[in-house]
Amino acid sequence: MEALDAIRERHMYRGMFQDRRVERATLLQLIEAARWAPSGHNSQPWEFLLIDDKKVIGELVAIATHNFNEDLKTRQDLKKWVHIWWRWLRWSDEELETAGDGLYMRKMSRAIWEQMTKNDSVEELRRNLMEVLSTNRGMAKIASSPCLIFTLLNKDTKIPDFSRGVMGLTSTGAAIQNLRIAAHSLGLATHELSILCDLPQTRRGIMELIGIPNHYRIVSAMRIGYPGEPSTGLRTHIRKPLDKLVHWNVY
């Protein structure tokens, strides 16, 4: 597969994986691709933790589910949260194509989200969000995954720059993208899982469970496997046109 084709065709897969094990030799091919990413001063600040033990995956899912639901029960900035979500939701192919970004929500109700943006009752918003953002199906997808890959940044890798850590993060991001593209070229699908690393209490619980030392930062968590049925609930494979992104010589 040509590199540019793999870059264009790669997408975030939100469907169920086949009930098929990903061989460790194949997973190591992905890490081989990741480790050849560029990094500031050739520092290679990344490490990778691969989890193919179903019991451990289930324990990670339990931690993330509990913390997500508890956060939703107590979060006070729900109005702001809803408006941030609303900004990126699209409700038709035409709207997605016109905007060039965002998420086309094929299965969610526009009316419910629109009503939430106008609702000033925190408790009613909380009830609506707990229904709309139910973790049950999403967590079932994670729990059934053949493998999870955590990409870690070693915070003790001090790169001589003035970016206050940005160079380490961008270097690690390059490794993650290499991994995603390699997975696609091998017929695998990947799905980034913010729910496994967004909340501080989830990160702490996961790091404790699987023994990640405190001087590492979880930068990415993804599930990986062989794609099953195509995902129909969400469409994101759209990009802004070049003429909105490119500037020559001056902005």
Protein backbone atom coordinates (compact mmCIF):
# COMPACT_ATOMS: atom_id res chain seq x y z
CA MET A 1 0.00 0.00 0.00
CA GLU A 2 1.34 3.44 -0.95
CA ALA A 3 2.06 5.75 1.97
CA LEU A 4 -0.25 8.55 0.78
CA ASP A 5 -3.08 6.08 0.16
CA ALA A 6 -2.71 4.68 3.68
CA ILE A 7 -2.74 8.19 5.16
CA ARG A 8 -5.91 9.14 3.29
CA GLU A 9 -7.75 5.86 3.86
CA ARG A 10 -6.96 5.49 7.57
CA HIS A 11 -9.91 6.37 9.80
CA MET A 12 -11.07 6.00 13.37
CA TYR A 13 -13.01 2.73 13.53
CA ARG A 14 -15.96 2.73 15.93
CA GLY A 15 -17.51 -0.65 15.08
CA MET A 16 -17.12 -4.06 16.70
CA PHE A 17 -13.96 -6.02 16.00
CA GLN A 18 -13.91 -9.56 14.71
CA ASP A 19 -13.50 -12.24 17.35
CA ARG A 20 -9.96 -12.80 16.17
CA ARG A 21 -6.69 -12.53 18.04
CA VAL A 22 -4.03 -10.12 16.80
CA GLU A 23 -0.76 -12.02 16.89
CA ARG A 24 1.99 -10.49 19.00
CA ALA A 25 4.32 -10.55 16.02
CA THR A 26 1.84 -8.33 14.15
CA LEU A 27 1.53 -5.96 17.10
CA LEU A 28 5.30 -5.68 17.25
CA GLN A 29 5.29 -4.62 13.59
CA LEU A 30 3.17 -1.64 14.65
CA ILE A 31 5.63 -0.71 17.39
CA GLU A 32 8.46 -1.09 14.88
CA ALA A 33 6.72 1.52 12.70
CA ALA A 34 6.12 3.77 15.71
CA ARG A 35 9.73 3.71 16.88
CA TRP A 36 10.93 5.06 13.52
CA ALA A 37 8.99 8.30 14.01
CA PRO A 38 11.02 11.51 14.19
CA SER A 39 11.67 13.01 17.61
CA GLY A 40 13.40 16.10 18.95
CA HIS A 41 17.15 15.44 19.30
CA ASN A 42 16.37 11.79 18.45
CA SER A 43 15.22 11.56 22.08
CA GLN A 44 12.56 8.88 21.41
CA PRO A 45 10.64 9.76 24.60
CA TRP A 46 7.94 7.16 24.02
CA GLU A 47 7.20 3.68 25.32
CA PHE A 48 4.26 1.39 24.61
CA LEU A 49 2.20 -0.83 26.87
CA LEU A 50 0.22 -3.51 25.03
CA ILE A 51 -2.58 -5.31 26.85
CA ASP A 52 -4.05 -8.49 25.36
CA ASP A 53 -5.20 -10.07 28.64
CA LYS A 54 -9.02 -9.97 28.61
CA LYS A 55 -9.20 -9.89 32.40
CA VAL A 56 -7.00 -6.83 32.61
CA ILE A 57 -8.93 -5.13 29.78
CA GLY A 58 -12.13 -5.76 31.73
CA GLU A 59 -10.63 -4.20 34.86
CA LEU A 60 -9.57 -1.12 32.88
CA VAL A 61 -13.09 -0.79 31.49
CA ALA A 62 -14.54 -0.98 35.01
CA ILE A 63 -12.25 1.84 36.21
CA ALA A 64 -13.08 4.08 33.24
CA THR A 65 -16.83 3.43 33.45
CA HIS A 66 -17.00 4.19 37.16
CA ASN A 67 -15.01 7.41 36.90
CA PHE A 68 -16.86 8.68 33.83
CA ASN A 69 -20.26 8.12 35.44
CA GLU A 70 -19.17 9.65 38.76
CA ASP A 71 -17.75 12.70 36.97
CA LEU A 72 -21.00 13.18 35.08
CA LYS A 73 -22.96 12.97 38.33
CA THR A 74 -20.95 15.72 40.00
CA ARG A 75 -19.67 17.98 37.19
CA GLN A 76 -20.97 21.54 37.53
CA ASP A 77 -19.93 23.08 34.18
CA LEU A 78 -22.41 20.98 32.17
CA LYS A 79 -23.82 23.93 30.20
CA LYS A 80 -20.35 24.82 28.94
CA TRP A 81 -19.62 21.14 28.29
CA VAL A 82 -22.78 20.74 26.15
CA HIS A 83 -21.92 23.82 24.07
CA ILE A 84 -18.41 22.50 23.42
CA TRP A 85 -19.91 19.21 22.22
CA TRP A 86 -22.57 21.02 20.14
CA ARG A 87 -19.90 22.96 18.27
CA TRP A 88 -18.57 19.75 16.68
CA LEU A 89 -21.81 17.87 15.93
CA ARG A 90 -23.07 17.59 12.35
CA TRP A 91 -26.50 16.26 11.40
CA SER A 92 -26.27 15.42 7.70
CA ASP A 93 -23.70 14.51 5.07
CA GLU A 94 -24.25 17.94 3.51
CA GLU A 95 -23.55 19.73 6.81
CA LEU A 96 -20.42 17.65 7.34
CA GLU A 97 -19.15 18.32 3.82
CA THR A 98 -19.83 22.07 4.12
CA ALA A 99 -18.13 22.43 7.50
CA GLY A 100 -15.22 20.13 6.57
CA ASP A 101 -14.86 19.04 10.19
CA GLY A 102 -16.80 17.61 13.11
CA LEU A 103 -18.80 14.43 13.69
CA TYR A 104 -21.86 13.34 11.71
CA MET A 105 -24.18 11.85 14.33
CA ARG A 106 -26.30 9.44 12.36
CA LYS A 107 -27.97 7.82 15.37
CA MET A 108 -28.21 10.63 17.91
CA SER A 109 -31.15 13.00 18.08
CA ARG A 110 -30.50 16.59 17.03
CA ALA A 111 -33.61 17.70 18.91
CA ILE A 112 -32.26 16.36 22.22
CA TRP A 113 -28.91 18.09 21.81
CA GLU A 114 -30.52 21.32 20.64
CA GLN A 115 -32.81 21.30 23.66
CA MET A 116 -29.85 20.72 25.96
CA THR A 117 -28.09 23.82 24.61
CA LYS A 118 -31.13 25.88 25.72
CA ASN A 119 -31.62 24.16 29.07
CA ASP A 120 -30.48 26.06 32.18
CA SER A 121 -31.33 23.31 34.68
CA VAL A 122 -28.10 21.58 35.71
CA GLU A 123 -29.88 18.51 37.04
CA GLU A 124 -32.02 18.10 33.92
CA LEU A 125 -28.92 18.47 31.78
CA ARG A 126 -27.23 15.83 33.91
CA ARG A 127 -30.11 13.38 33.39
CA ASN A 128 -30.15 14.01 29.63
CA LEU A 129 -26.39 13.61 29.29
CA MET A 130 -26.32 10.41 31.32
CA GLU A 131 -28.90 9.00 28.91
CA VAL A 132 -27.31 10.33 25.70
CA LEU A 133 -23.72 9.45 26.69
CA SER A 134 -24.48 6.03 28.15
CA THR A 135 -21.20 4.15 28.38
CA ASN A 136 -22.71 0.66 28.10
CA ARG A 137 -22.29 -0.01 24.36
CA GLY A 138 -19.02 1.87 24.02
CA MET A 139 -17.49 0.04 26.96
CA ALA A 140 -18.66 -3.31 25.57
CA LYS A 141 -16.65 -2.54 22.43
CA ILE A 142 -13.56 -1.81 24.50
CA ALA A 143 -14.02 -4.90 26.69
CA SER A 144 -14.23 -7.16 23.62
CA SER A 145 -11.09 -5.71 22.00
CA PRO A 146 -8.26 -8.15 21.21
CA CYS A 147 -5.70 -5.58 22.36
CA LEU A 148 -5.30 -2.14 23.89
CA ILE A 149 -2.20 -0.04 23.27
CA PHE A 150 -1.16 2.73 25.65
CA THR A 151 1.44 5.17 24.37
CA LEU A 152 3.50 6.64 27.21
CA LEU A 153 5.70 9.72 27.37
CA ASN A 154 8.68 9.48 29.68
CA LYS A 155 8.61 12.83 31.50
CA ASP A 156 12.20 12.28 32.68
CA THR A 157 13.40 12.55 29.07
CA LYS A 158 14.51 16.18 29.17
CA ILE A 159 14.88 17.53 25.64
CA PRO A 160 17.03 20.69 25.33
CA ASP A 161 14.42 23.07 23.95
CA PHE A 162 12.37 26.03 25.14
CA SER A 163 8.95 24.50 24.46
CA ARG A 164 8.14 23.38 28.04
CA GLY A 165 7.48 19.82 26.95
CA VAL A 166 5.74 20.48 23.62
CA MET A 167 8.55 18.85 21.63
CA GLY A 168 8.18 15.63 23.62
CA LEU A 169 4.42 15.58 22.99
CA THR A 170 4.70 16.30 19.27
CA SER A 171 7.38 13.62 18.94
CA THR A 172 5.15 11.10 20.70
CA GLY A 173 2.23 12.13 18.48
CA ALA A 174 4.33 11.31 15.41
CA ALA A 175 4.97 7.81 16.79
CA ILE A 176 1.24 7.31 17.42
CA GLN A 177 0.39 8.31 13.86
CA ASN A 178 3.02 5.93 12.46
CA LEU A 179 1.38 3.18 14.49
CA ARG A 180 -2.11 4.01 13.17
CA ILE A 181 -0.98 4.08 9.53
CA ALA A 182 0.94 0.82 9.92
CA ALA A 183 -2.16 -0.80 11.44
CA HIS A 184 -4.28 0.28 8.48
CA SER A 185 -1.72 -1.03 5.99
CA LEU A 186 -1.87 -4.44 7.74
CA GLY A 187 -5.67 -4.65 7.60
CA LEU A 188 -6.18 -3.66 11.24
CA ALA A 189 -8.38 -0.91 12.63
CA THR A 190 -7.70 1.45 15.51
CA HIS A 191 -9.92 3.56 17.73
CA GLU A 192 -8.58 6.25 20.04
CA LEU A 193 -10.12 6.00 23.52
CA SER A 194 -10.18 9.30 25.36
CA ILE A 195 -12.34 7.73 28.06
CA LEU A 196 -9.28 5.71 29.19
CA CYS A 197 -7.05 8.73 29.72
CA ASP A 198 -9.02 12.01 29.84
CA LEU A 199 -10.01 12.11 33.51
CA PRO A 200 -7.18 12.41 36.06
CA GLN A 201 -8.81 9.87 38.37
CA THR A 202 -9.05 7.37 35.50
CA ARG A 203 -5.39 7.87 34.59
CA ARG A 204 -4.35 7.37 38.21
CA GLY A 205 -6.45 4.21 38.57
CA ILE A 206 -5.15 2.72 35.32
CA MET A 207 -1.53 3.58 36.08
CA GLU A 208 -1.85 1.93 39.48
CA LEU A 209 -3.57 -1.17 38.07
CA ILE A 210 -1.01 -1.89 35.36
CA GLY A 211 2.02 -0.54 37.20
CA ILE A 212 2.94 2.52 35.11
CA PRO A 213 5.54 4.55 37.07
CA ASN A 214 4.64 8.13 38.00
CA HIS A 215 7.26 9.69 35.74
CA TYR A 216 5.31 8.51 32.68
CA ARG A 217 2.34 10.25 31.12
CA ILE A 218 -0.39 8.41 29.22
CA VAL A 219 -0.61 10.30 25.92
CA SER A 220 -2.84 7.88 24.02
CA ALA A 221 -4.97 4.81 24.57
CA MET A 222 -6.42 2.90 21.64
CA ARG A 223 -8.15 -0.37 20.92
CA ILE A 224 -6.95 -2.36 17.97
CA GLY A 225 -8.21 -5.37 16.05
CA TYR A 226 -9.57 -6.65 12.75
CA PRO A 227 -12.64 -4.65 11.71
CA GLY A 228 -15.99 -6.43 11.62
CA GLU A 229 -19.18 -4.77 10.39
CA PRO A 230 -18.68 -1.19 9.16
CA SER A 231 -19.48 1.43 11.78
CA THR A 232 -22.65 3.31 10.81
CA GLY A 233 -23.37 5.50 13.83
CA LEU A 234 -20.73 8.17 13.25
CA ARG A 235 -18.94 9.59 10.23
CA THR A 236 -15.75 11.60 10.53
CA HIS A 237 -13.84 10.84 7.32
CA ILE A 238 -13.91 14.37 5.96
CA ARG A 239 -11.27 17.10 5.87
CA LYS A 240 -11.19 20.82 5.22
CA PRO A 241 -10.09 21.77 1.68
CA LEU A 242 -6.50 22.81 1.05
CA ASP A 243 -7.47 26.40 0.19
CA LYS A 244 -8.65 26.87 3.80
CA LEU A 245 -5.42 25.57 5.26
CA VAL A 246 -2.53 26.74 3.10
CA HIS A 247 -0.87 30.16 3.21
CA TRP A 248 2.04 31.11 0.98
CA ASN A 249 4.75 33.43 2.32
CA VAL A 250 2.36 35.50 4.47
CA TYR A 251 -0.83 34.69 6.38
